[in-house]
Amino acid sequence: MTRPNILVIAGHDPSGGAGIQADIESAAANGAHAATVVTLLTCQDTTNVYGVSPVEIGFFRRCLDTAIADMSFGAIKIGVVADVAQVAAIAELVQARPDIPLVVDPVLRAAGGGTLAGDAVGQALRDQLFAHATVITPNAAEARLLCDGESELARCGERLSRPGGHALITGGDEDGAAVVNRGFVAGRLAHTYEWPRVPGVFHGSGCTLASAIAARLACGDATERALAQAQDYTWRAIEHGFAAGRGQRIPDRRPLP
């Protein structure tokens, strides 16, 4: 028996709510195996991030090379990246393998307000990786940061999307009775997805969504279907979220019945 591999490049969260652990669980629930290269270690809990320690760039590159030499991948998923040097290393990798679908979740701020990646990293992601991405999944706040403070999400979507690539701007961090996710392609709004808002704040929902998308792409879904399937899975995981600590709830990432 085999299942497709995805390569996840992201950070480690000791609480298990977000980062690499969320990616592994979400990928498995959606039919894929996640191989992981860690970008940074964090000191965090279900409430906030208190510190980060980047993986040294030479060792990081070695980990990427080792994974690629041994395994074939049906998709690559990028989460939080520590610094501009890591972005450059990832850009070299994806440029050398343009046939592998790429999902970029530009994690710039933690839900609790702590900083995970600086503005220079966001600019590097935008300038070096977005052009190669099949899907990017910023939340509303990240989309505005990536667009130099632009307040209108429609304009953000126009700027962040490209021909052949999807920009899915998620609305979980916005106000309203419903969560509205907006999908842009080639500078235009292509899809609007609406989900009932589940009360509370959830830790790792963005990681869950992006890795679910990558897994569905690796399993052979077309991009539009992968987006729809992954959002449905993520909403259900949030709906059944649980409290592991004193802070934000964690999505239940077990496979859907």
C-alpha atoms as a PDB file:
ATOM      1  CA  MET A   1       0.000   0.000   0.000  1.00  0.00           C
ATOM      2  CA  THR A   2       1.244   3.494  -0.811  1.00  0.00           C
ATOM      3  CA  ARG A   3       0.054   7.023  -0.292  1.00  0.00           C
ATOM      4  CA  PRO A   4       1.409  10.253  -1.814  1.00  0.00           C
ATOM      5  CA  ASN A   5       4.039  12.222   0.047  1.00  0.00           C
ATOM      6  CA  ILE A   6       3.953  15.936   0.722  1.00  0.00           C
ATOM      7  CA  LEU A   7       7.003  17.890   1.852  1.00  0.00           C
ATOM      8  CA  VAL A   8       6.132  20.238   4.706  1.00  0.00           C
ATOM      9  CA  ILE A   9       8.568  23.054   5.500  1.00  0.00           C
ATOM     10  CA  ALA A  10       7.405  24.755   8.693  1.00  0.00           C
ATOM     11  CA  GLY A  11       8.046  25.428  12.388  1.00  0.00           C
ATOM     12  CA  HIS A  12       7.643  23.320  15.520  1.00  0.00           C
ATOM     13  CA  ASP A  13       4.988  24.202  18.108  1.00  0.00           C
ATOM     14  CA  PRO A  14       5.483  22.466  21.488  1.00  0.00           C
ATOM     15  CA  SER A  15       1.748  22.612  22.231  1.00  0.00           C
ATOM     16  CA  GLY A  16       0.968  20.445  19.217  1.00  0.00           C
ATOM     17  CA  GLY A  17      -1.717  22.870  18.120  1.00  0.00           C
ATOM     18  CA  ALA A  18      -0.031  24.393  15.096  1.00  0.00           C
ATOM     19  CA  GLY A  19       3.067  23.964  12.969  1.00  0.00           C
ATOM     20  CA  ILE A  20       4.560  20.620  12.012  1.00  0.00           C
ATOM     21  CA  GLN A  21       2.267  18.496  14.179  1.00  0.00           C
ATOM     22  CA  ALA A  22      -0.840  20.136  12.739  1.00  0.00           C
ATOM     23  CA  ASP A  23       0.560  19.590   9.243  1.00  0.00           C
ATOM     24  CA  ILE A  24       1.226  15.900   9.852  1.00  0.00           C
ATOM     25  CA  GLU A  25      -2.239  15.271  11.289  1.00  0.00           C
ATOM     26  CA  SER A  26      -4.035  17.214   8.557  1.00  0.00           C
ATOM     27  CA  ALA A  27      -2.073  15.548   5.760  1.00  0.00           C
ATOM     28  CA  ALA A  28      -2.755  12.082   7.157  1.00  0.00           C
ATOM     29  CA  ALA A  29      -6.478  12.784   7.520  1.00  0.00           C
ATOM     30  CA  ASN A  30      -6.577  13.834   3.858  1.00  0.00           C
ATOM     31  CA  GLY A  31      -4.757  10.819   2.456  1.00  0.00           C
ATOM     32  CA  ALA A  32      -1.106  11.901   2.331  1.00  0.00           C
ATOM     33  CA  HIS A  33       2.116  11.267   4.236  1.00  0.00           C
ATOM     34  CA  ALA A  34       3.928  14.395   5.481  1.00  0.00           C
ATOM     35  CA  ALA A  35       7.712  14.470   5.447  1.00  0.00           C
ATOM     36  CA  THR A  36       8.895  17.499   7.400  1.00  0.00           C
ATOM     37  CA  VAL A  37      11.792  19.944   7.408  1.00  0.00           C
ATOM     38  CA  VAL A  38      11.740  22.253  10.427  1.00  0.00           C
ATOM     39  CA  THR A  39      12.450  25.960   9.890  1.00  0.00           C
ATOM     40  CA  LEU A  40      12.448  27.065  13.516  1.00  0.00           C
ATOM     41  CA  LEU A  41      11.728  25.977  17.057  1.00  0.00           C
ATOM     42  CA  THR A  42       9.258  28.024  19.036  1.00  0.00           C
ATOM     43  CA  CYS A  43       8.590  28.611  22.701  1.00  0.00           C
ATOM     44  CA  GLN A  44       4.801  28.824  22.725  1.00  0.00           C
ATOM     45  CA  ASP A  45       1.642  27.457  24.240  1.00  0.00           C
ATOM     46  CA  THR A  46      -2.021  27.603  23.277  1.00  0.00           C
ATOM     47  CA  THR A  47      -2.067  31.285  24.240  1.00  0.00           C
ATOM     48  CA  ASN A  48       0.856  32.920  22.437  1.00  0.00           C
ATOM     49  CA  VAL A  49       4.410  32.724  21.078  1.00  0.00           C
ATOM     50  CA  TYR A  50       7.177  33.787  23.468  1.00  0.00           C
ATOM     51  CA  GLY A  51      10.301  33.113  21.441  1.00  0.00           C
ATOM     52  CA  VAL A  52      11.711  31.522  18.288  1.00  0.00           C
ATOM     53  CA  SER A  53      15.020  29.846  17.451  1.00  0.00           C
ATOM     54  CA  PRO A  54      15.771  29.464  13.718  1.00  0.00           C
ATOM     55  CA  VAL A  55      17.404  26.351  12.284  1.00  0.00           C
ATOM     56  CA  GLU A  56      20.895  27.172  11.013  1.00  0.00           C
ATOM     57  CA  ILE A  57      20.822  27.697   7.241  1.00  0.00           C
ATOM     58  CA  GLY A  58      23.503  25.130   6.356  1.00  0.00           C
ATOM     59  CA  PHE A  59      21.718  22.391   8.276  1.00  0.00           C
ATOM     60  CA  PHE A  60      18.375  23.519   6.870  1.00  0.00           C
ATOM     61  CA  ARG A  61      19.651  23.186   3.304  1.00  0.00           C
ATOM     62  CA  ARG A  62      21.074  19.754   4.101  1.00  0.00           C
ATOM     63  CA  CYS A  63      17.687  18.610   5.407  1.00  0.00           C
ATOM     64  CA  LEU A  64      15.956  19.785   2.233  1.00  0.00           C
ATOM     65  CA  ASP A  65      18.496  18.041   0.019  1.00  0.00           C
ATOM     66  CA  THR A  66      18.254  14.814   2.008  1.00  0.00           C
ATOM     67  CA  ALA A  67      14.457  14.706   1.805  1.00  0.00           C
ATOM     68  CA  ILE A  68      14.370  15.440  -1.929  1.00  0.00           C
ATOM     69  CA  ALA A  69      17.069  12.857  -2.707  1.00  0.00           C
ATOM     70  CA  ASP A  70      15.168  10.063  -0.965  1.00  0.00           C
ATOM     71  CA  MET A  71      11.480  10.681  -1.655  1.00  0.00           C
ATOM     72  CA  SER A  72       9.102  11.767  -4.396  1.00  0.00           C
ATOM     73  CA  PHE A  73       6.544  14.414  -3.517  1.00  0.00           C
ATOM     74  CA  GLY A  74       3.068  15.139  -4.789  1.00  0.00           C
ATOM     75  CA  ALA A  75       3.031  18.625  -3.242  1.00  0.00           C
ATOM     76  CA  ILE A  76       5.102  21.003  -1.128  1.00  0.00           C
ATOM     77  CA  LYS A  77       3.588  23.015   1.714  1.00  0.00           C
ATOM     78  CA  ILE A  78       5.377  26.043   3.209  1.00  0.00           C
ATOM     79  CA  GLY A  79       4.455  27.327   6.660  1.00  0.00           C
ATOM     80  CA  VAL A  80       6.361  29.728   8.873  1.00  0.00           C
ATOM     81  CA  VAL A  81       9.873  30.505   7.588  1.00  0.00           C
ATOM     82  CA  ALA A  82      12.542  31.859   9.916  1.00  0.00           C
ATOM     83  CA  ASP A  83      14.511  34.244   7.719  1.00  0.00           C
ATOM     84  CA  VAL A  84      15.280  35.460   4.226  1.00  0.00           C
ATOM     85  CA  ALA A  85      18.077  32.905   3.759  1.00  0.00           C
ATOM     86  CA  GLN A  86      15.613  30.073   4.273  1.00  0.00           C
ATOM     87  CA  VAL A  87      13.219  31.653   1.758  1.00  0.00           C
ATOM     88  CA  ALA A  88      16.043  31.741  -0.809  1.00  0.00           C
ATOM     89  CA  ALA A  89      16.826  28.063  -0.211  1.00  0.00           C
ATOM     90  CA  ILE A  90      13.175  27.114  -0.633  1.00  0.00           C
ATOM     91  CA  ALA A  91      12.936  29.231  -3.791  1.00  0.00           C
ATOM     92  CA  GLU A  92      15.846  27.305  -5.308  1.00  0.00           C
ATOM     93  CA  LEU A  93      14.078  24.050  -4.522  1.00  0.00           C
ATOM     94  CA  VAL A  94      10.706  24.973  -6.033  1.00  0.00           C
ATOM     95  CA  GLN A  95      12.260  26.579  -9.096  1.00  0.00           C
ATOM     96  CA  ALA A  96      14.116  23.328  -9.787  1.00  0.00           C
ATOM     97  CA  ARG A  97      10.840  21.341  -9.503  1.00  0.00           C
ATOM     98  CA  PRO A  98       8.105  23.434 -11.116  1.00  0.00           C
ATOM     99  CA  ASP A  99       5.987  20.307 -11.675  1.00  0.00           C
ATOM    100  CA  ILE A 100       5.294  19.863  -7.934  1.00  0.00           C
ATOM    101  CA  PRO A 101       2.219  21.779  -6.676  1.00  0.00           C
ATOM    102  CA  LEU A 102       3.214  24.395  -4.094  1.00  0.00           C
ATOM    103  CA  VAL A 103       1.033  25.655  -1.240  1.00  0.00           C
ATOM    104  CA  VAL A 104       2.329  28.673   0.702  1.00  0.00           C
ATOM    105  CA  ASP A 105       0.793  29.638   4.037  1.00  0.00           C
ATOM    106  CA  PRO A 106       2.560  32.944   4.818  1.00  0.00           C
ATOM    107  CA  VAL A 107       2.558  32.776   8.626  1.00  0.00           C
ATOM    108  CA  LEU A 108       3.648  36.213   9.864  1.00  0.00           C
ATOM    109  CA  ARG A 109       1.868  36.614  13.202  1.00  0.00           C
ATOM    110  CA  ALA A 110       0.546  34.212  15.826  1.00  0.00           C
ATOM    111  CA  ALA A 111      -3.139  34.388  16.754  1.00  0.00           C
ATOM    112  CA  GLY A 112      -2.122  35.611  20.209  1.00  0.00           C
ATOM    113  CA  GLY A 113      -0.185  38.502  18.714  1.00  0.00           C
ATOM    114  CA  GLY A 114       3.365  37.136  18.926  1.00  0.00           C
ATOM    115  CA  THR A 115       5.660  37.607  15.942  1.00  0.00           C
ATOM    116  CA  LEU A 116       6.745  34.504  14.032  1.00  0.00           C
ATOM    117  CA  ALA A 117       8.278  36.088  10.943  1.00  0.00           C
ATOM    118  CA  GLY A 118       9.403  39.636  10.271  1.00  0.00           C
ATOM    119  CA  ASP A 119       8.324  41.925   7.474  1.00  0.00           C
ATOM    120  CA  ALA A 120      11.474  41.125   5.486  1.00  0.00           C
ATOM    121  CA  VAL A 121      10.456  37.470   5.425  1.00  0.00           C
ATOM    122  CA  GLY A 122       6.974  38.357   4.215  1.00  0.00           C
ATOM    123  CA  GLN A 123       8.447  40.460   1.425  1.00  0.00           C
ATOM    124  CA  ALA A 124      10.802  37.620   0.452  1.00  0.00           C
ATOM    125  CA  LEU A 125       7.927  35.130   0.379  1.00  0.00           C
ATOM    126  CA  ARG A 126       5.917  37.497  -1.810  1.00  0.00           C
ATOM    127  CA  ASP A 127       8.790  38.264  -4.159  1.00  0.00           C
ATOM    128  CA  GLN A 128      10.437  34.834  -4.420  1.00  0.00           C
ATOM    129  CA  LEU A 129       7.743  32.198  -3.841  1.00  0.00           C
ATOM    130  CA  PHE A 130       4.280  33.486  -4.694  1.00  0.00           C
ATOM    131  CA  ALA A 131       4.944  33.426  -8.438  1.00  0.00           C
ATOM    132  CA  HIS A 132       5.581  29.667  -8.197  1.00  0.00           C
ATOM    133  CA  ALA A 133       2.669  28.842  -5.888  1.00  0.00           C
ATOM    134  CA  THR A 134      -0.358  26.822  -6.872  1.00  0.00           C
ATOM    135  CA  VAL A 135      -2.178  28.238  -3.844  1.00  0.00           C
ATOM    136  CA  ILE A 136      -1.342  30.841  -1.203  1.00  0.00           C
ATOM    137  CA  THR A 137      -3.473  30.987   1.965  1.00  0.00           C
ATOM    138  CA  PRO A 138      -2.983  34.235   3.908  1.00  0.00           C
ATOM    139  CA  ASN A 139      -5.579  35.253   6.448  1.00  0.00           C
ATOM    140  CA  ALA A 140      -7.000  38.766   6.145  1.00  0.00           C
ATOM    141  CA  ALA A 141      -4.391  40.375   8.416  1.00  0.00           C
ATOM    142  CA  GLU A 142      -1.512  38.655   6.603  1.00  0.00           C
ATOM    143  CA  ALA A 143      -2.926  39.655   3.209  1.00  0.00           C
ATOM    144  CA  ARG A 144      -2.965  43.298   4.292  1.00  0.00           C
ATOM    145  CA  LEU A 145       0.612  43.068   5.605  1.00  0.00           C
ATOM    146  CA  LEU A 146       1.758  41.478   2.350  1.00  0.00           C
ATOM    147  CA  CYS A 147       0.103  44.308   0.422  1.00  0.00           C
ATOM    148  CA  ASP A 148       1.785  47.102   2.377  1.00  0.00           C
ATOM    149  CA  GLY A 149      -1.207  47.877   4.562  1.00  0.00           C
ATOM    150  CA  GLU A 150      -3.889  47.861   1.859  1.00  0.00           C
ATOM    151  CA  SER A 151      -7.214  47.780   3.702  1.00  0.00           C
ATOM    152  CA  GLU A 152      -9.486  46.421   0.957  1.00  0.00           C
ATOM    153  CA  LEU A 153      -9.253  42.632   0.713  1.00  0.00           C
ATOM    154  CA  ALA A 154     -10.448  42.722  -2.895  1.00  0.00           C
ATOM    155  CA  ARG A 155      -7.424  44.805  -3.828  1.00  0.00           C
ATOM    156  CA  CYS A 156      -5.181  42.475  -1.808  1.00  0.00           C
ATOM    157  CA  GLY A 157      -6.527  39.508  -3.740  1.00  0.00           C
ATOM    158  CA  GLU A 158      -5.942  41.295  -7.025  1.00  0.00           C
ATOM    159  CA  ARG A 159      -2.334  41.980  -6.067  1.00  0.00           C
ATOM    160  CA  LEU A 160      -1.542  38.584  -4.591  1.00  0.00           C
ATOM    161  CA  SER A 161      -3.087  36.323  -7.245  1.00  0.00           C
ATOM    162  CA  ARG A 162      -1.588  35.495 -10.619  1.00  0.00           C
ATOM    163  CA  PRO A 163      -2.514  33.589 -13.781  1.00  0.00           C
ATOM    164  CA  GLY A 164      -2.610  29.887 -12.948  1.00  0.00           C
ATOM    165  CA  GLY A 165      -2.298  30.453  -9.203  1.00  0.00           C
ATOM    166  CA  HIS A 166      -4.928  30.804  -6.496  1.00  0.00           C
ATOM    167  CA  ALA A 167      -4.874  33.263  -3.596  1.00  0.00           C
ATOM    168  CA  LEU A 168      -7.286  32.102  -0.900  1.00  0.00           C
ATOM    169  CA  ILE A 169      -7.691  34.916   1.642  1.00  0.00           C
ATOM    170  CA  THR A 170      -9.311  33.427   4.728  1.00  0.00           C
ATOM    171  CA  GLY A 171     -11.636  35.384   6.985  1.00  0.00           C
ATOM    172  CA  GLY A 172     -11.439  33.575  10.284  1.00  0.00           C
ATOM    173  CA  ASP A 173      -9.642  36.531  11.828  1.00  0.00           C
ATOM    174  CA  GLU A 174     -12.317  39.001  10.673  1.00  0.00           C
ATOM    175  CA  ASP A 175     -15.564  39.906  12.446  1.00  0.00           C
ATOM    176  CA  GLY A 176     -18.993  38.653  11.424  1.00  0.00           C
ATOM    177  CA  ALA A 177     -21.471  35.842  11.968  1.00  0.00           C
ATOM    178  CA  ALA A 178     -19.952  33.896   9.082  1.00  0.00           C
ATOM    179  CA  VAL A 179     -16.387  33.174   8.010  1.00  0.00           C
ATOM    180  CA  VAL A 180     -15.946  34.339   4.431  1.00  0.00           C
ATOM    181  CA  ASN A 181     -12.986  32.983   2.466  1.00  0.00           C
ATOM    182  CA  ARG A 182     -12.276  34.632  -0.875  1.00  0.00           C
ATOM    183  CA  GLY A 183     -10.503  32.873  -3.731  1.00  0.00           C
ATOM    184  CA  PHE A 184      -8.737  34.992  -6.351  1.00  0.00           C
ATOM    185  CA  VAL A 185      -7.239  33.897  -9.669  1.00  0.00           C
ATOM    186  CA  ALA A 186      -5.376  36.138 -12.098  1.00  0.00           C
ATOM    187  CA  GLY A 187      -6.372  39.311 -10.269  1.00  0.00           C
ATOM    188  CA  ARG A 188     -10.084  38.620 -10.005  1.00  0.00           C
ATOM    189  CA  LEU A 189     -12.438  37.177  -7.410  1.00  0.00           C
ATOM    190  CA  ALA A 190     -13.214  33.656  -8.626  1.00  0.00           C
ATOM    191  CA  HIS A 191     -14.916  32.010  -5.634  1.00  0.00           C
ATOM    192  CA  THR A 192     -16.470  33.026  -2.337  1.00  0.00           C
ATOM    193  CA  TYR A 193     -16.785  30.381   0.364  1.00  0.00           C
ATOM    194  CA  GLU A 194     -18.917  30.983   3.440  1.00  0.00           C
ATOM    195  CA  TRP A 195     -18.892  28.958   6.654  1.00  0.00           C
ATOM    196  CA  PRO A 196     -20.823  29.379   9.923  1.00  0.00           C
ATOM    197  CA  ARG A 197     -18.501  30.920  12.489  1.00  0.00           C
ATOM    198  CA  VAL A 198     -17.651  28.603  15.369  1.00  0.00           C
ATOM    199  CA  PRO A 199     -17.356  30.559  18.651  1.00  0.00           C
ATOM    200  CA  GLY A 200     -13.866  30.916  20.088  1.00  0.00           C
ATOM    201  CA  VAL A 201     -10.311  31.269  18.818  1.00  0.00           C
ATOM    202  CA  PHE A 202      -8.547  28.278  17.296  1.00  0.00           C
ATOM    203  CA  HIS A 203      -4.848  27.421  17.273  1.00  0.00           C
ATOM    204  CA  GLY A 204      -3.456  25.964  14.058  1.00  0.00           C
ATOM    205  CA  SER A 205      -6.457  26.372  11.774  1.00  0.00           C
ATOM    206  CA  GLY A 206      -4.334  27.928   9.019  1.00  0.00           C
ATOM    207  CA  CYS A 207      -1.798  25.087   9.145  1.00  0.00           C
ATOM    208  CA  THR A 208      -4.665  22.601   9.054  1.00  0.00           C
ATOM    209  CA  LEU A 209      -6.162  24.192   5.946  1.00  0.00           C
ATOM    210  CA  ALA A 210      -2.936  24.632   3.970  1.00  0.00           C
ATOM    211  CA  SER A 211      -1.757  21.079   4.610  1.00  0.00           C
ATOM    212  CA  ALA A 212      -5.179  19.695   3.730  1.00  0.00           C
ATOM    213  CA  ILE A 213      -4.994  21.555   0.411  1.00  0.00           C
ATOM    214  CA  ALA A 214      -1.502  20.189  -0.249  1.00  0.00           C
ATOM    215  CA  ALA A 215      -2.611  16.661   0.608  1.00  0.00           C
ATOM    216  CA  ARG A 216      -5.619  16.819  -1.697  1.00  0.00           C
ATOM    217  CA  LEU A 217      -3.450  18.163  -4.531  1.00  0.00           C
ATOM    218  CA  ALA A 218      -0.985  15.315  -3.941  1.00  0.00           C
ATOM    219  CA  CYS A 219      -3.883  12.858  -4.129  1.00  0.00           C
ATOM    220  CA  GLY A 220      -4.725  14.186  -7.584  1.00  0.00           C
ATOM    221  CA  ASP A 221      -7.554  16.630  -6.937  1.00  0.00           C
ATOM    222  CA  ALA A 222      -7.867  19.604  -9.258  1.00  0.00           C
ATOM    223  CA  THR A 223      -7.124  22.865  -7.481  1.00  0.00           C
ATOM    224  CA  GLU A 224     -10.749  24.013  -7.168  1.00  0.00           C
ATOM    225  CA  ARG A 225     -11.807  20.665  -5.709  1.00  0.00           C
ATOM    226  CA  ALA A 226      -8.792  20.583  -3.364  1.00  0.00           C
ATOM    227  CA  LEU A 227      -9.742  24.029  -2.058  1.00  0.00           C
ATOM    228  CA  ALA A 228     -13.361  23.044  -1.468  1.00  0.00           C
ATOM    229  CA  GLN A 229     -12.529  19.702   0.147  1.00  0.00           C
ATOM    230  CA  ALA A 230      -9.840  21.168   2.401  1.00  0.00           C
ATOM    231  CA  GLN A 231     -12.081  23.995   3.608  1.00  0.00           C
ATOM    232  CA  ASP A 232     -14.874  21.579   4.433  1.00  0.00           C
ATOM    233  CA  TYR A 233     -12.437  19.374   6.372  1.00  0.00           C
ATOM    234  CA  THR A 234     -10.988  22.363   8.239  1.00  0.00           C
ATOM    235  CA  TRP A 235     -14.395  23.753   9.200  1.00  0.00           C
ATOM    236  CA  ARG A 236     -15.418  20.370  10.599  1.00  0.00           C
ATOM    237  CA  ALA A 237     -12.122  20.083  12.488  1.00  0.00           C
ATOM    238  CA  ILE A 238     -12.756  23.507  14.029  1.00  0.00           C
ATOM    239  CA  GLU A 239     -16.371  22.632  14.815  1.00  0.00           C
ATOM    240  CA  HIS A 240     -15.113  19.674  16.858  1.00  0.00           C
ATOM    241  CA  GLY A 241     -12.165  21.565  18.364  1.00  0.00           C
ATOM    242  CA  PHE A 242     -11.018  20.829  21.896  1.00  0.00           C
ATOM    243  CA  ALA A 243      -9.168  22.577  24.712  1.00  0.00           C
ATOM    244  CA  ALA A 244      -5.692  21.149  25.289  1.00  0.00           C
ATOM    245  CA  GLY A 245      -4.513  24.047  27.445  1.00  0.00           C
ATOM    246  CA  ARG A 246      -5.699  27.318  28.942  1.00  0.00           C
ATOM    247  CA  GLY A 247      -5.709  29.275  25.694  1.00  0.00           C
ATOM    248  CA  GLN A 248      -7.029  28.754  22.185  1.00  0.00           C
ATOM    249  CA  ARG A 249      -8.825  25.581  21.194  1.00  0.00           C
ATOM    250  CA  ILE A 250      -7.221  23.084  18.814  1.00  0.00           C
ATOM    251  CA  PRO A 251      -8.994  21.718  15.716  1.00  0.00           C
ATOM    252  CA  ASP A 252      -9.809  18.015  15.886  1.00  0.00           C
ATOM    253  CA  ARG A 253      -7.860  16.855  12.838  1.00  0.00           C
ATOM    254  CA  ARG A 254      -8.948  13.230  12.821  1.00  0.00           C
ATOM    255  CA  PRO A 255     -10.254  11.934   9.472  1.00  0.00           C
ATOM    256  CA  LEU A 256     -13.842  12.811   8.685  1.00  0.00           C
ATOM    257  CA  PRO A 257     -16.320   9.938   9.110  1.00  0.00           C
END
